[in-house]
C-alpha atoms as a PDB file:
ATOM      1  CA  MET A   1       0.916   2.657   1.808  1.00  0.00           C
ATOM      2  CA  ILE A   2       1.118  -1.124   2.135  1.00  0.00           C
ATOM      3  CA  VAL A   3       3.014  -2.697  -0.727  1.00  0.00           C
ATOM      4  CA  PRO A   4       4.298  -6.183  -1.489  1.00  0.00           C
ATOM      5  CA  ASP A   5       7.896  -6.964  -0.518  1.00  0.00           C
ATOM      6  CA  ASP A   6       9.127  -5.904  -3.957  1.00  0.00           C
ATOM      7  CA  GLY A   7       7.377  -2.522  -3.634  1.00  0.00           C
ATOM      8  CA  ILE A   8       5.386  -3.028  -6.830  1.00  0.00           C
ATOM      9  CA  ARG A   9       1.607  -2.570  -6.818  1.00  0.00           C
ATOM     10  CA  ARG A  10      -0.420  -3.558  -9.828  1.00  0.00           C
ATOM     11  CA  VAL A  11      -3.465  -1.713 -11.103  1.00  0.00           C
ATOM     12  CA  LEU A  12      -5.935  -2.667 -13.795  1.00  0.00           C
ATOM     13  CA  LEU A  13      -6.892   0.055 -16.271  1.00  0.00           C
ATOM     14  CA  SER A  14     -10.101  -0.761 -18.188  1.00  0.00           C
ATOM     15  CA  THR A  15     -11.375   0.874 -21.370  1.00  0.00           C
ATOM     16  CA  ASP A  16     -13.962  -0.131 -23.950  1.00  0.00           C
ATOM     17  CA  ASP A  17     -10.984  -1.121 -26.142  1.00  0.00           C
ATOM     18  CA  GLY A  18      -9.549  -3.537 -23.554  1.00  0.00           C
ATOM     19  CA  ASP A  19      -7.540  -3.679 -20.358  1.00  0.00           C
ATOM     20  CA  MET A  20      -3.953  -3.211 -19.288  1.00  0.00           C
ATOM     21  CA  THR A  21      -2.099  -3.971 -16.077  1.00  0.00           C
ATOM     22  CA  ILE A  22       0.320  -1.339 -14.823  1.00  0.00           C
ATOM     23  CA  ALA A  23       3.122  -2.081 -12.343  1.00  0.00           C
ATOM     24  CA  VAL A  24       3.524   0.943 -10.042  1.00  0.00           C
ATOM     25  CA  ASP A  25       6.960   1.251  -8.383  1.00  0.00           C
ATOM     26  CA  GLY A  26       6.457   2.449  -4.817  1.00  0.00           C
ATOM     27  CA  VAL A  27      10.109   1.906  -3.877  1.00  0.00           C
ATOM     28  CA  ARG A  28      11.942   3.967  -6.492  1.00  0.00           C
ATOM     29  CA  ALA A  29       9.187   6.601  -6.890  1.00  0.00           C
ATOM     30  CA  PRO A  30       7.262   6.594  -3.583  1.00  0.00           C
ATOM     31  CA  ALA A  31       5.756  10.088  -3.837  1.00  0.00           C
ATOM     32  CA  SER A  32       4.570   9.749  -7.437  1.00  0.00           C
ATOM     33  CA  ALA A  33       3.367   6.168  -6.917  1.00  0.00           C
ATOM     34  CA  GLY A  34       1.652   7.160  -3.669  1.00  0.00           C
ATOM     35  CA  TYR A  35      -0.139  10.054  -5.351  1.00  0.00           C
ATOM     36  CA  PHE A  36      -1.312   7.877  -8.251  1.00  0.00           C
ATOM     37  CA  LEU A  37      -2.405   4.990  -6.014  1.00  0.00           C
ATOM     38  CA  GLY A  38      -4.283   7.431  -3.759  1.00  0.00           C
ATOM     39  CA  GLU A  39      -6.186   8.715  -6.788  1.00  0.00           C
ATOM     40  CA  VAL A  40      -6.912   5.108  -7.823  1.00  0.00           C
ATOM     41  CA  ARG A  41      -8.171   4.195  -4.327  1.00  0.00           C
ATOM     42  CA  ALA A  42     -10.432   7.265  -4.330  1.00  0.00           C
ATOM     43  CA  GLY A  43     -11.863   6.290  -7.738  1.00  0.00           C
ATOM     44  CA  ARG A  44     -10.862   9.622  -9.269  1.00  0.00           C
ATOM     45  CA  PHE A  45      -9.896   8.121 -12.622  1.00  0.00           C
ATOM     46  CA  ASP A  46     -13.093   6.100 -13.006  1.00  0.00           C
ATOM     47  CA  GLY A  47     -15.220   7.627 -15.759  1.00  0.00           C
ATOM     48  CA  THR A  48     -12.463   9.993 -16.969  1.00  0.00           C
ATOM     49  CA  SER A  49     -10.845   9.630 -20.376  1.00  0.00           C
ATOM     50  CA  PHE A  50      -7.757   9.653 -22.489  1.00  0.00           C
ATOM     51  CA  TYR A  51      -8.034  13.163 -23.879  1.00  0.00           C
ATOM     52  CA  ARG A  52      -4.635  13.759 -25.502  1.00  0.00           C
ATOM     53  CA  ILE A  53      -2.528  11.738 -27.904  1.00  0.00           C
ATOM     54  CA  ALA A  54       0.685  13.450 -28.970  1.00  0.00           C
ATOM     55  CA  THR A  55       2.340  12.096 -32.105  1.00  0.00           C
ATOM     56  CA  LEU A  56       5.262  13.342 -34.134  1.00  0.00           C
ATOM     57  CA  ALA A  57       2.771  14.606 -36.729  1.00  0.00           C
ATOM     58  CA  ASN A  58       0.213  16.473 -34.597  1.00  0.00           C
ATOM     59  CA  GLN A  59       2.182  18.661 -32.184  1.00  0.00           C
ATOM     60  CA  GLU A  60       2.153  22.423 -32.316  1.00  0.00           C
ATOM     61  CA  PRO A  61       5.180  23.949 -34.035  1.00  0.00           C
ATOM     62  CA  GLY A  62       7.782  25.290 -31.670  1.00  0.00           C
ATOM     63  CA  GLN A  63       7.631  22.482 -29.108  1.00  0.00           C
ATOM     64  CA  PRO A  64      11.097  22.025 -27.594  1.00  0.00           C
ATOM     65  CA  ALA A  65      10.978  18.258 -28.303  1.00  0.00           C
ATOM     66  CA  ALA A  66       8.312  16.192 -30.028  1.00  0.00           C
ATOM     67  CA  ILE A  67       6.914  13.308 -27.981  1.00  0.00           C
ATOM     68  CA  GLU A  68       4.673  10.276 -28.430  1.00  0.00           C
ATOM     69  CA  ILE A  69       2.315   9.825 -25.488  1.00  0.00           C
ATOM     70  CA  VAL A  70      -1.267   8.995 -24.546  1.00  0.00           C
ATOM     71  CA  GLN A  71      -2.530  11.204 -21.687  1.00  0.00           C
ATOM     72  CA  GLY A  72      -5.567  10.644 -19.502  1.00  0.00           C
ATOM     73  CA  GLY A  73      -7.237  10.970 -16.139  1.00  0.00           C
ATOM     74  CA  GLY A  74      -7.925  14.363 -14.649  1.00  0.00           C
ATOM     75  CA  ARG A  75      -6.922  17.556 -16.416  1.00  0.00           C
ATOM     76  CA  GLN A  76      -6.718  19.901 -13.448  1.00  0.00           C
ATOM     77  CA  PRO A  77      -3.683  20.700 -11.315  1.00  0.00           C
ATOM     78  CA  LEU A  78      -3.751  20.168  -7.594  1.00  0.00           C
ATOM     79  CA  ALA A  79      -5.804  22.714  -5.686  1.00  0.00           C
ATOM     80  CA  PRO A  80      -3.754  25.649  -4.331  1.00  0.00           C
ATOM     81  CA  THR A  81      -4.250  24.288  -0.813  1.00  0.00           C
ATOM     82  CA  SER A  82      -2.953  20.816  -1.722  1.00  0.00           C
ATOM     83  CA  PRO A  83       0.589  19.870  -0.791  1.00  0.00           C
ATOM     84  CA  ILE A  84       3.140  19.834  -3.584  1.00  0.00           C
ATOM     85  CA  ILE A  85       4.329  16.352  -4.447  1.00  0.00           C
ATOM     86  CA  PRO A  86       8.122  15.976  -4.334  1.00  0.00           C
ATOM     87  CA  HIS A  87       9.418  15.782  -7.894  1.00  0.00           C
ATOM     88  CA  GLU A  88      11.074  12.408  -8.444  1.00  0.00           C
ATOM     89  CA  SER A  89      13.273  12.914 -11.474  1.00  0.00           C
ATOM     90  CA  THR A  90      14.470  10.010 -13.551  1.00  0.00           C
ATOM     91  CA  ARG A  91      18.020  10.912 -12.463  1.00  0.00           C
ATOM     92  CA  ASP A  92      17.036  10.082  -8.872  1.00  0.00           C
ATOM     93  CA  THR A  93      14.723   7.098  -9.434  1.00  0.00           C
ATOM     94  CA  GLY A  94      16.514   5.343 -12.270  1.00  0.00           C
ATOM     95  CA  LEU A  95      13.148   4.914 -14.003  1.00  0.00           C
ATOM     96  CA  ARG A  96      13.065   6.049 -17.618  1.00  0.00           C
ATOM     97  CA  HIS A  97      10.413   7.142 -20.071  1.00  0.00           C
ATOM     98  CA  ARG A  98      10.608   4.030 -22.206  1.00  0.00           C
ATOM     99  CA  ARG A  99       7.827   2.443 -24.250  1.00  0.00           C
ATOM    100  CA  GLY A 100       5.073   1.542 -21.774  1.00  0.00           C
ATOM    101  CA  ALA A 101       6.208   3.843 -18.953  1.00  0.00           C
ATOM    102  CA  ILE A 102       3.593   5.694 -16.906  1.00  0.00           C
ATOM    103  CA  SER A 103       4.387   9.176 -15.640  1.00  0.00           C
ATOM    104  CA  LEU A 104       2.809  12.267 -14.095  1.00  0.00           C
ATOM    105  CA  GLY A 105       2.129  15.391 -16.126  1.00  0.00           C
ATOM    106  CA  ARG A 106       3.276  18.627 -14.479  1.00  0.00           C
ATOM    107  CA  PHE A 107       3.309  22.387 -14.667  1.00  0.00           C
ATOM    108  CA  ALA A 108       6.459  22.707 -12.548  1.00  0.00           C
ATOM    109  CA  PRO A 109       8.424  20.146 -10.515  1.00  0.00           C
ATOM    110  CA  GLY A 110       5.932  18.735  -8.006  1.00  0.00           C
ATOM    111  CA  ALA A 111       2.929  20.686  -9.359  1.00  0.00           C
ATOM    112  CA  VAL A 112       1.198  17.791 -11.101  1.00  0.00           C
ATOM    113  CA  TYR A 113      -1.969  17.496 -13.128  1.00  0.00           C
ATOM    114  CA  GLY A 114      -4.704  15.240 -11.821  1.00  0.00           C
ATOM    115  CA  GLY A 115      -3.738  12.656 -14.408  1.00  0.00           C
ATOM    116  CA  PHE A 116      -0.986  10.640 -16.040  1.00  0.00           C
ATOM    117  CA  PHE A 117       0.496   9.722 -19.388  1.00  0.00           C
ATOM    118  CA  LEU A 118       1.770   6.563 -21.048  1.00  0.00           C
ATOM    119  CA  CYS A 119       4.801   6.531 -23.359  1.00  0.00           C
ATOM    120  CA  ALA A 120       3.973   5.054 -26.772  1.00  0.00           C
ATOM    121  CA  SER A 121       7.696   4.726 -27.553  1.00  0.00           C
ATOM    122  CA  ASP A 122      10.999   5.528 -25.831  1.00  0.00           C
ATOM    123  CA  GLN A 123      10.892   9.211 -24.820  1.00  0.00           C
ATOM    124  CA  PRO A 124      14.316  10.375 -23.526  1.00  0.00           C
ATOM    125  CA  ALA A 125      13.185  14.012 -23.961  1.00  0.00           C
ATOM    126  CA  LEU A 126      10.927  13.442 -20.924  1.00  0.00           C
ATOM    127  CA  ASP A 127      13.768  12.224 -18.679  1.00  0.00           C
ATOM    128  CA  PHE A 128      15.997  14.407 -16.498  1.00  0.00           C
ATOM    129  CA  GLY A 129      18.127  16.528 -18.823  1.00  0.00           C
ATOM    130  CA  GLY A 130      15.760  15.905 -21.735  1.00  0.00           C
ATOM    131  CA  GLY A 131      14.612  18.741 -23.922  1.00  0.00           C
ATOM    132  CA  ARG A 132      10.856  18.761 -23.303  1.00  0.00           C
ATOM    133  CA  GLN A 133      10.916  20.959 -20.172  1.00  0.00           C
ATOM    134  CA  PRO A 134      13.047  24.115 -20.104  1.00  0.00           C
ATOM    135  CA  ASP A 135      14.056  23.465 -16.479  1.00  0.00           C
ATOM    136  CA  GLY A 136      15.686  20.154 -17.476  1.00  0.00           C
ATOM    137  CA  GLN A 137      14.037  18.287 -14.594  1.00  0.00           C
ATOM    138  CA  GLY A 138      11.936  16.068 -16.837  1.00  0.00           C
ATOM    139  CA  PHE A 139       8.866  14.228 -15.641  1.00  0.00           C
ATOM    140  CA  ALA A 140       8.299  11.692 -12.859  1.00  0.00           C
ATOM    141  CA  ALA A 141       8.017   8.161 -14.268  1.00  0.00           C
ATOM    142  CA  PHE A 142       6.665   5.764 -11.647  1.00  0.00           C
ATOM    143  CA  GLY A 143       5.907   2.468 -13.372  1.00  0.00           C
ATOM    144  CA  MET A 144       5.463   0.403 -16.522  1.00  0.00           C
ATOM    145  CA  ILE A 145       2.726  -1.407 -18.371  1.00  0.00           C
ATOM    146  CA  ALA A 146       3.128  -5.037 -17.297  1.00  0.00           C
ATOM    147  CA  GLU A 147       0.431  -6.445 -19.587  1.00  0.00           C
ATOM    148  CA  GLY A 148      -1.511  -4.801 -22.383  1.00  0.00           C
ATOM    149  CA  LEU A 149       0.993  -2.994 -24.603  1.00  0.00           C
ATOM    150  CA  ASP A 150      -1.337  -3.930 -27.453  1.00  0.00           C
ATOM    151  CA  LEU A 151      -3.996  -1.692 -25.856  1.00  0.00           C
ATOM    152  CA  LEU A 152      -1.481   1.175 -25.719  1.00  0.00           C
ATOM    153  CA  ASP A 153      -0.845   0.659 -29.442  1.00  0.00           C
ATOM    154  CA  ARG A 154      -4.596   0.675 -30.196  1.00  0.00           C
ATOM    155  CA  LEU A 155      -5.063   3.859 -28.174  1.00  0.00           C
ATOM    156  CA  PHE A 156      -2.109   5.563 -29.874  1.00  0.00           C
ATOM    157  CA  ALA A 157      -3.509   4.596 -33.284  1.00  0.00           C
ATOM    158  CA  ARG A 158      -6.613   6.675 -32.467  1.00  0.00           C
ATOM    159  CA  ALA A 159      -4.622   9.929 -32.588  1.00  0.00           C
ATOM    160  CA  GLU A 160      -6.262  12.798 -34.407  1.00  0.00           C
ATOM    161  CA  SER A 161      -4.865  15.734 -36.365  1.00  0.00           C
ATOM    162  CA  GLN A 162      -4.425  17.675 -33.094  1.00  0.00           C
ATOM    163  CA  GLU A 163      -3.112  16.469 -29.729  1.00  0.00           C
ATOM    164  CA  ILE A 164      -6.294  17.223 -27.779  1.00  0.00           C
ATOM    165  CA  LEU A 165      -8.859  14.689 -28.923  1.00  0.00           C
ATOM    166  CA  ARG A 166     -12.268  15.667 -30.222  1.00  0.00           C
ATOM    167  CA  HIS A 167     -13.321  12.076 -29.554  1.00  0.00           C
ATOM    168  CA  GLU A 168     -11.983  11.237 -26.111  1.00  0.00           C
ATOM    169  CA  ILE A 169     -11.456   7.598 -25.173  1.00  0.00           C
ATOM    170  CA  PRO A 170     -13.314   6.669 -21.969  1.00  0.00           C
ATOM    171  CA  ILE A 171     -11.483   5.116 -19.035  1.00  0.00           C
ATOM    172  CA  ARG A 172     -14.046   2.888 -17.361  1.00  0.00           C
ATOM    173  CA  ARG A 173     -12.059   2.365 -14.203  1.00  0.00           C
ATOM    174  CA  ILE A 174      -8.641   1.889 -12.676  1.00  0.00           C
ATOM    175  CA  ILE A 175      -8.516  -0.449  -9.681  1.00  0.00           C
ATOM    176  CA  LEU A 176      -5.885  -1.977  -7.437  1.00  0.00           C
ATOM    177  CA  LEU A 177      -5.195  -5.661  -8.017  1.00  0.00           C
END
């Protein structure tokens, strides 16, 4: 992966509601950033959607920690023949699940979904040692929204009574800048 000297690659995420620019950190989270950027280069997010918005009010009872996120992209895990991506915990990268962070969803450390999520507010429960995952490993944050937090707010405001949206929000495309 060729990256600028600072290791940050920018991508443009476009929806019918507007655009945002995301700064992807290929230095502190090279595996997660590399996976995401590979999916972007292949066009795998183009024409997908934001299909889940978790709010404090719409999560199933019994969740270990309530979160506020907007999740999109693919919904499927890697194929069984795909390599497992090294899990880059926030303890190791120093990246945190703060408002505007982008991170990979996962079943287990390294077994990621084909998508990503954006933090609508600070989410320490998603960091290493946080309460969202029983294994305590947290999720792999790999960047931040550089421009377009207002779009994140508009997306989050479209939450429904359940996390999985009946009216998904189309992602037109995500491209490298």
